[in-house]
Amino acid sequence: TRVRSSAASDVYKRQVLGDASQPAMALAGGTRLLIDVRAGVVQPAILVDLRRLDTLEYIRFDDHCVAIGARTTLAQIEMNQLIQRYVPLLAEMAGSFGSPLIRMPATLGGNIASFALVADAVVPLLALDATLLFQSAGDRRRQQLSAFITDHRCAAAHAHELITEVSVPILPGNALWFYAKLGNRKANAIPIASIATVITIQSQRIQEARIALGAITPAPLRANHAEAVLLNESLPLRDQTIDHCLAVLATELQDPLDDKVASAGYRVLVGKALLRKALYHLHPVEQGDEKKMREE
């Protein structure tokens, strides 16, 4: 039976997802889930189609953050003016995701929930310190993306919740950012490594550093120890500081992936090379300047 009311459909679908007696999975873009279902990787009793749930498709400014509905597509994120102005790091990621045909149906919420090697969005969102909004049939809660990754790896304690919104703090004017992804080809390839950095500058010194990496280890990670090396360092960074930061990063890349795409050792080397490139793109800036670290 088709549920005509969008609000009623929303409630009904949350109830279905929350019914533990019949394991259900949400279907949004389907670019990953349908492949896994056909391959037998997952076998849900019910697939709940969210593609007509328009209440989860939006991008709006909300209290110094950009709020993004979980059903918003990567193509919409790539082209949206709010994203381009306030969190351009996310727009650049979206523009490099898959191909135009994949970006059209692929959703932000689905990409986060899948959190596999192709979960490109998680890396810049970690560097941007994003927060997720979860909703179930009778409750809602917010959680930092970094905490969600940790919980997701340990247990499916909140398997019957739905990601409904991603809240991304806007980049301040004194922030420098960098995003890069390396694969065997530019499009439609599983990445060997990806990196996103957000560096905040105050009086020509690093006030805050966020470094996120993906596709190197089983789950995306924030390199907290490498970040600490950079605090209060003046720009431009000394070679000794960069070398120290890379050495510390290597200790954080525990149990790197080793598969047919790339060896464990190669993934670690690529991760270090991407971070070196990001750090070499750091330049002194005047307070309030809006600049970006670009690949050359």
Protein backbone atom coordinates (compact mmCIF):
# COMPACT_ATOMS: atom_id res chain seq x y z
CA THR A 1 0.00 0.00 0.00
CA ARG A 2 1.40 3.39 -0.99
CA VAL A 3 1.55 5.93 1.84
CA ARG A 4 0.62 9.28 0.33
CA SER A 5 1.56 11.63 3.19
CA SER A 6 5.31 12.33 3.42
CA ALA A 7 5.08 12.79 7.20
CA ALA A 8 3.08 9.58 7.63
CA SER A 9 5.51 7.76 5.35
CA ASP A 10 8.43 9.00 7.46
CA VAL A 11 6.89 7.63 10.69
CA TYR A 12 5.91 4.35 9.05
CA LYS A 13 9.39 3.73 7.66
CA ARG A 14 11.03 4.42 11.03
CA GLN A 15 8.68 1.90 12.63
CA VAL A 16 9.64 -0.72 10.05
CA LEU A 17 13.35 -0.04 10.53
CA GLY A 18 12.91 -0.28 14.30
CA ASP A 19 11.17 -3.66 14.20
CA ALA A 20 13.84 -6.04 15.46
CA SER A 21 11.69 -9.10 14.60
CA GLN A 22 12.22 -8.48 10.87
CA PRO A 23 15.71 -7.07 10.16
CA ALA A 24 15.36 -4.18 7.72
CA MET A 25 17.81 -1.93 5.91
CA ALA A 26 17.26 1.54 4.48
CA LEU A 27 17.67 1.99 0.72
CA ALA A 28 18.53 5.51 -0.42
CA GLY A 29 20.71 5.79 -3.54
CA GLY A 30 21.46 2.08 -3.59
CA THR A 31 24.86 2.55 -5.24
CA ARG A 32 26.49 0.34 -2.61
CA LEU A 33 23.66 -1.54 -0.89
CA LEU A 34 22.14 -3.09 -4.01
CA ILE A 35 25.55 -4.39 -5.07
CA ASP A 36 26.02 -5.99 -1.63
CA VAL A 37 22.52 -7.51 -1.69
CA ARG A 38 23.07 -9.05 -5.13
CA ALA A 39 26.46 -10.38 -4.04
CA GLY A 40 24.97 -11.88 -0.88
CA VAL A 41 27.14 -9.75 1.41
CA VAL A 42 24.01 -8.58 3.24
CA GLN A 43 20.60 -10.27 3.28
CA PRO A 44 18.03 -8.00 4.93
CA ALA A 45 14.51 -9.34 5.40
CA ILE A 46 13.11 -5.98 4.26
CA LEU A 47 14.47 -3.09 2.19
CA VAL A 48 12.87 0.24 3.17
CA ASP A 49 12.89 2.58 0.17
CA LEU A 50 13.70 6.18 1.18
CA ARG A 51 13.99 7.60 -2.33
CA ARG A 52 10.66 9.47 -2.15
CA LEU A 53 11.23 10.76 1.38
CA ASP A 54 11.73 14.41 0.43
CA THR A 55 11.87 15.59 4.07
CA LEU A 56 15.45 14.26 4.23
CA GLU A 57 16.65 16.15 1.13
CA TYR A 58 17.84 19.68 1.96
CA ILE A 59 20.87 21.93 2.47
CA ARG A 60 20.42 24.96 4.73
CA PHE A 61 22.36 27.33 6.98
CA ASP A 62 21.67 26.62 10.66
CA ASP A 63 23.45 28.42 13.55
CA HIS A 64 27.00 28.65 12.12
CA CYS A 65 26.63 25.19 10.58
CA VAL A 66 25.47 23.84 7.25
CA ALA A 67 22.74 21.27 7.87
CA ILE A 68 22.47 18.60 5.17
CA GLY A 69 19.62 16.13 4.94
CA ALA A 70 20.84 12.55 4.76
CA ARG A 71 19.08 11.88 1.43
CA THR A 72 20.86 14.79 -0.28
CA THR A 73 22.91 13.48 -3.18
CA LEU A 74 26.61 13.96 -3.81
CA ALA A 75 25.73 15.76 -7.05
CA GLN A 76 23.63 18.28 -5.11
CA ILE A 77 26.44 18.79 -2.59
CA GLU A 78 28.97 19.38 -5.37
CA MET A 79 26.91 22.17 -6.96
CA ASN A 80 25.28 23.81 -3.91
CA GLN A 81 26.32 27.43 -3.29
CA LEU A 82 26.11 27.18 0.52
CA ILE A 83 28.48 24.20 0.47
CA GLN A 84 30.86 25.93 -1.96
CA ARG A 85 30.95 29.07 0.18
CA TYR A 86 31.08 27.71 3.74
CA VAL A 87 32.51 24.18 3.47
CA PRO A 88 34.23 24.00 0.05
CA LEU A 89 36.23 20.99 1.26
CA LEU A 90 33.01 18.96 1.06
CA ALA A 91 32.20 20.24 -2.43
CA GLU A 92 35.63 19.18 -3.68
CA MET A 93 35.15 15.67 -2.27
CA ALA A 94 31.75 15.39 -3.95
CA GLY A 95 33.20 16.48 -7.29
CA SER A 96 35.76 13.66 -7.17
CA PHE A 97 33.29 10.97 -6.08
CA GLY A 98 32.74 8.16 -8.57
CA SER A 99 31.37 9.50 -11.84
CA PRO A 100 28.51 11.91 -12.66
CA LEU A 101 26.16 8.94 -13.07
CA ILE A 102 27.08 7.68 -9.58
CA ARG A 103 26.93 11.11 -7.93
CA MET A 104 23.34 11.64 -9.09
CA PRO A 105 21.76 8.85 -6.96
CA ALA A 106 24.43 8.43 -4.24
CA THR A 107 23.35 10.04 -0.96
CA LEU A 108 25.42 11.55 1.83
CA GLY A 109 23.69 9.52 4.55
CA GLY A 110 24.09 6.28 2.64
CA ASN A 111 27.76 6.94 2.03
CA ILE A 112 28.35 7.55 5.74
CA ALA A 113 26.33 4.51 6.81
CA SER A 114 28.18 2.21 4.42
CA PHE A 115 31.51 3.52 5.75
CA ALA A 116 33.44 1.12 3.57
CA LEU A 117 36.40 1.97 1.36
CA VAL A 118 34.11 3.94 -0.94
CA ALA A 119 32.78 6.11 1.92
CA ASP A 120 34.64 9.13 0.56
CA ALA A 121 32.46 11.64 2.42
CA VAL A 122 33.54 10.43 5.85
CA VAL A 123 37.12 11.70 5.45
CA PRO A 124 36.38 15.43 4.91
CA LEU A 125 33.49 15.27 7.38
CA LEU A 126 35.90 13.99 10.04
CA ALA A 127 38.27 16.89 9.33
CA LEU A 128 35.31 19.28 9.49
CA ASP A 129 34.23 17.85 12.88
CA ALA A 130 30.75 17.00 11.63
CA THR A 131 27.85 15.81 13.81
CA LEU A 132 25.17 13.28 12.86
CA LEU A 133 21.49 13.33 13.79
CA PHE A 134 19.93 9.90 14.35
CA GLN A 135 16.22 9.17 14.58
CA SER A 136 14.32 6.03 15.47
CA ALA A 137 10.62 5.35 15.90
CA GLY A 138 10.53 7.05 19.30
CA ASP A 139 13.76 8.96 19.84
CA ARG A 140 16.39 11.23 18.30
CA ARG A 141 19.97 11.96 19.28
CA ARG A 142 23.11 13.69 18.00
CA GLN A 143 26.58 12.18 17.91
CA GLN A 144 29.98 13.25 16.62
CA LEU A 145 30.95 11.42 13.46
CA SER A 146 34.20 10.28 15.09
CA ALA A 147 32.25 8.62 17.92
CA PHE A 148 29.88 6.99 15.42
CA ILE A 149 32.83 5.36 13.65
CA THR A 150 34.11 3.95 16.94
CA ASP A 151 30.67 2.66 17.92
CA HIS A 152 30.05 1.24 14.46
CA ARG A 153 33.25 -0.79 14.64
CA CYS A 154 32.50 -2.20 18.08
CA ALA A 155 28.84 -3.19 17.81
CA ALA A 156 25.58 -2.46 16.06
CA ALA A 157 24.05 -1.08 19.24
CA HIS A 158 21.97 1.44 17.31
CA ALA A 159 21.20 -0.67 14.25
CA HIS A 160 17.57 0.45 14.16
CA GLU A 161 18.31 4.15 13.92
CA LEU A 162 18.38 6.19 10.74
CA ILE A 163 20.87 8.93 9.94
CA THR A 164 18.65 11.88 9.05
CA GLU A 165 20.99 14.89 9.07
CA VAL A 166 24.65 15.86 8.92
CA SER A 167 25.64 19.13 10.62
CA VAL A 168 28.91 20.66 9.39
CA PRO A 169 30.49 23.70 11.15
CA ILE A 170 31.41 26.41 8.65
CA LEU A 171 35.08 27.01 8.02
CA PRO A 172 36.41 30.18 9.70
CA GLY A 173 38.17 32.79 7.61
CA ASN A 174 41.57 31.85 9.07
CA ALA A 175 41.26 28.18 8.10
CA LEU A 176 43.32 26.49 5.38
CA TRP A 177 42.08 23.22 3.96
CA PHE A 178 43.30 20.45 1.71
CA TYR A 179 41.69 17.38 0.14
CA ALA A 180 43.27 14.70 -2.03
CA LYS A 181 42.47 11.15 -3.06
CA LEU A 182 44.67 8.67 -4.91
CA GLY A 183 43.37 5.73 -6.91
CA ASN A 184 44.46 3.68 -9.88
CA ARG A 185 42.43 6.03 -12.05
CA LYS A 186 40.60 9.32 -11.54
CA ALA A 187 37.02 8.01 -11.51
CA ASN A 188 35.16 4.82 -10.56
CA ALA A 189 38.14 3.35 -8.70
CA ILE A 190 38.49 2.26 -5.08
CA PRO A 191 40.89 4.78 -3.48
CA ILE A 192 44.29 3.69 -2.28
CA ALA A 193 44.35 6.56 0.22
CA SER A 194 42.57 9.84 0.83
CA ILE A 195 43.24 12.77 3.12
CA ALA A 196 41.47 15.90 4.34
CA THR A 197 43.06 18.54 6.54
CA VAL A 198 41.71 21.67 8.19
CA ILE A 199 44.36 23.95 9.70
CA THR A 200 43.39 27.08 11.63
CA ILE A 201 45.96 29.90 11.77
CA GLN A 202 46.33 32.59 14.43
CA SER A 203 49.18 35.14 14.27
CA GLN A 204 51.02 32.96 11.73
CA ARG A 205 50.95 29.96 14.07
CA ILE A 206 48.86 26.81 13.90
CA GLN A 207 46.05 27.18 16.40
CA GLU A 208 44.21 23.95 15.54
CA ALA A 209 44.96 21.04 13.22
CA ARG A 210 42.63 18.31 12.03
CA ILE A 211 43.95 15.49 9.86
CA ALA A 212 41.64 12.74 8.58
CA LEU A 213 42.64 9.78 6.43
CA GLY A 214 40.66 7.11 4.63
CA ALA A 215 41.16 3.85 2.71
CA ILE A 216 44.43 3.12 4.52
CA THR A 217 43.04 1.41 7.61
CA PRO A 218 39.78 -0.60 7.97
CA ALA A 219 37.95 2.56 9.09
CA PRO A 220 38.63 6.25 8.42
CA LEU A 221 40.55 7.92 11.24
CA ARG A 222 41.60 11.22 12.78
CA ALA A 223 45.37 11.35 13.25
CA ASN A 224 45.21 12.96 16.71
CA HIS A 225 48.86 12.45 17.60
CA ALA A 226 50.10 13.85 14.29
CA GLU A 227 47.78 16.82 14.79
CA ALA A 228 49.34 17.52 18.21
CA VAL A 229 52.81 17.80 16.63
CA LEU A 230 51.64 20.79 14.59
CA LEU A 231 50.08 22.86 17.38
CA ASN A 232 51.65 26.30 17.88
CA GLU A 233 54.14 25.74 15.07
CA SER A 234 54.85 28.83 12.97
CA LEU A 235 54.45 29.00 9.20
CA PRO A 236 56.03 28.04 6.93
CA LEU A 237 56.66 24.71 8.66
CA ARG A 238 60.25 23.58 9.11
CA ASP A 239 61.30 20.34 7.38
CA GLN A 240 62.11 18.85 10.79
CA THR A 241 58.55 19.50 11.98
CA ILE A 242 57.05 17.91 8.86
CA ASP A 243 59.30 14.85 9.17
CA HIS A 244 58.35 14.48 12.83
CA CYS A 245 54.66 14.76 11.99
CA LEU A 246 54.96 12.05 9.30
CA ALA A 247 56.84 9.74 11.66
CA VAL A 248 54.10 10.10 14.26
CA LEU A 249 51.43 9.52 11.61
CA ALA A 250 53.03 6.20 10.67
CA THR A 251 52.54 4.98 14.26
CA GLU A 252 48.81 5.79 14.04
CA LEU A 253 48.20 3.81 10.85
CA GLN A 254 47.76 0.49 12.64
CA ASP A 255 46.78 -2.67 10.73
CA PRO A 256 46.72 -1.06 7.27
CA LEU A 257 44.68 -2.72 4.56
CA ASP A 258 46.47 -5.22 2.34
CA ASP A 259 44.49 -6.31 -0.70
CA LYS A 260 44.50 -6.57 -4.49
CA VAL A 261 44.18 -2.78 -4.79
CA ALA A 262 47.37 -1.97 -2.85
CA SER A 263 49.69 -3.48 -0.27
CA ALA A 264 49.67 -2.35 3.35
CA GLY A 265 53.10 -0.79 3.06
CA TYR A 266 52.18 1.12 -0.08
CA ARG A 267 49.00 2.52 1.49
CA VAL A 268 50.99 3.85 4.45
CA LEU A 269 53.60 5.42 2.14
CA VAL A 270 50.84 7.10 0.10
CA GLY A 271 49.16 8.39 3.27
CA LYS A 272 52.42 9.96 4.43
CA ALA A 273 53.04 11.44 0.97
CA LEU A 274 49.57 13.01 0.91
CA LEU A 275 50.08 14.54 4.35
CA ARG A 276 53.50 15.89 3.32
CA LYS A 277 51.87 17.50 0.30
CA ALA A 278 49.17 19.05 2.48
CA LEU A 279 51.73 20.47 4.92
CA TYR A 280 53.90 21.90 2.15
CA HIS A 281 50.82 23.80 0.95
CA LEU A 282 50.57 25.67 4.24
CA HIS A 283 51.54 29.30 3.81
CA PRO A 284 51.43 32.30 6.16
CA VAL A 285 48.14 34.17 5.84
CA GLU A 286 46.74 37.41 7.11
CA GLN A 287 44.04 37.18 9.78
CA GLY A 288 40.63 36.95 8.09
CA ASP A 289 41.94 35.94 4.68
CA GLU A 290 40.01 33.11 3.06
CA LYS A 291 42.44 30.91 1.24
CA LYS A 292 42.64 27.31 0.20
CA MET A 293 45.49 24.89 -0.27
CA ARG A 294 45.24 23.66 -3.86
CA GLU A 295 46.97 20.81 -5.60
CA GLU A 296 49.61 21.95 -8.05
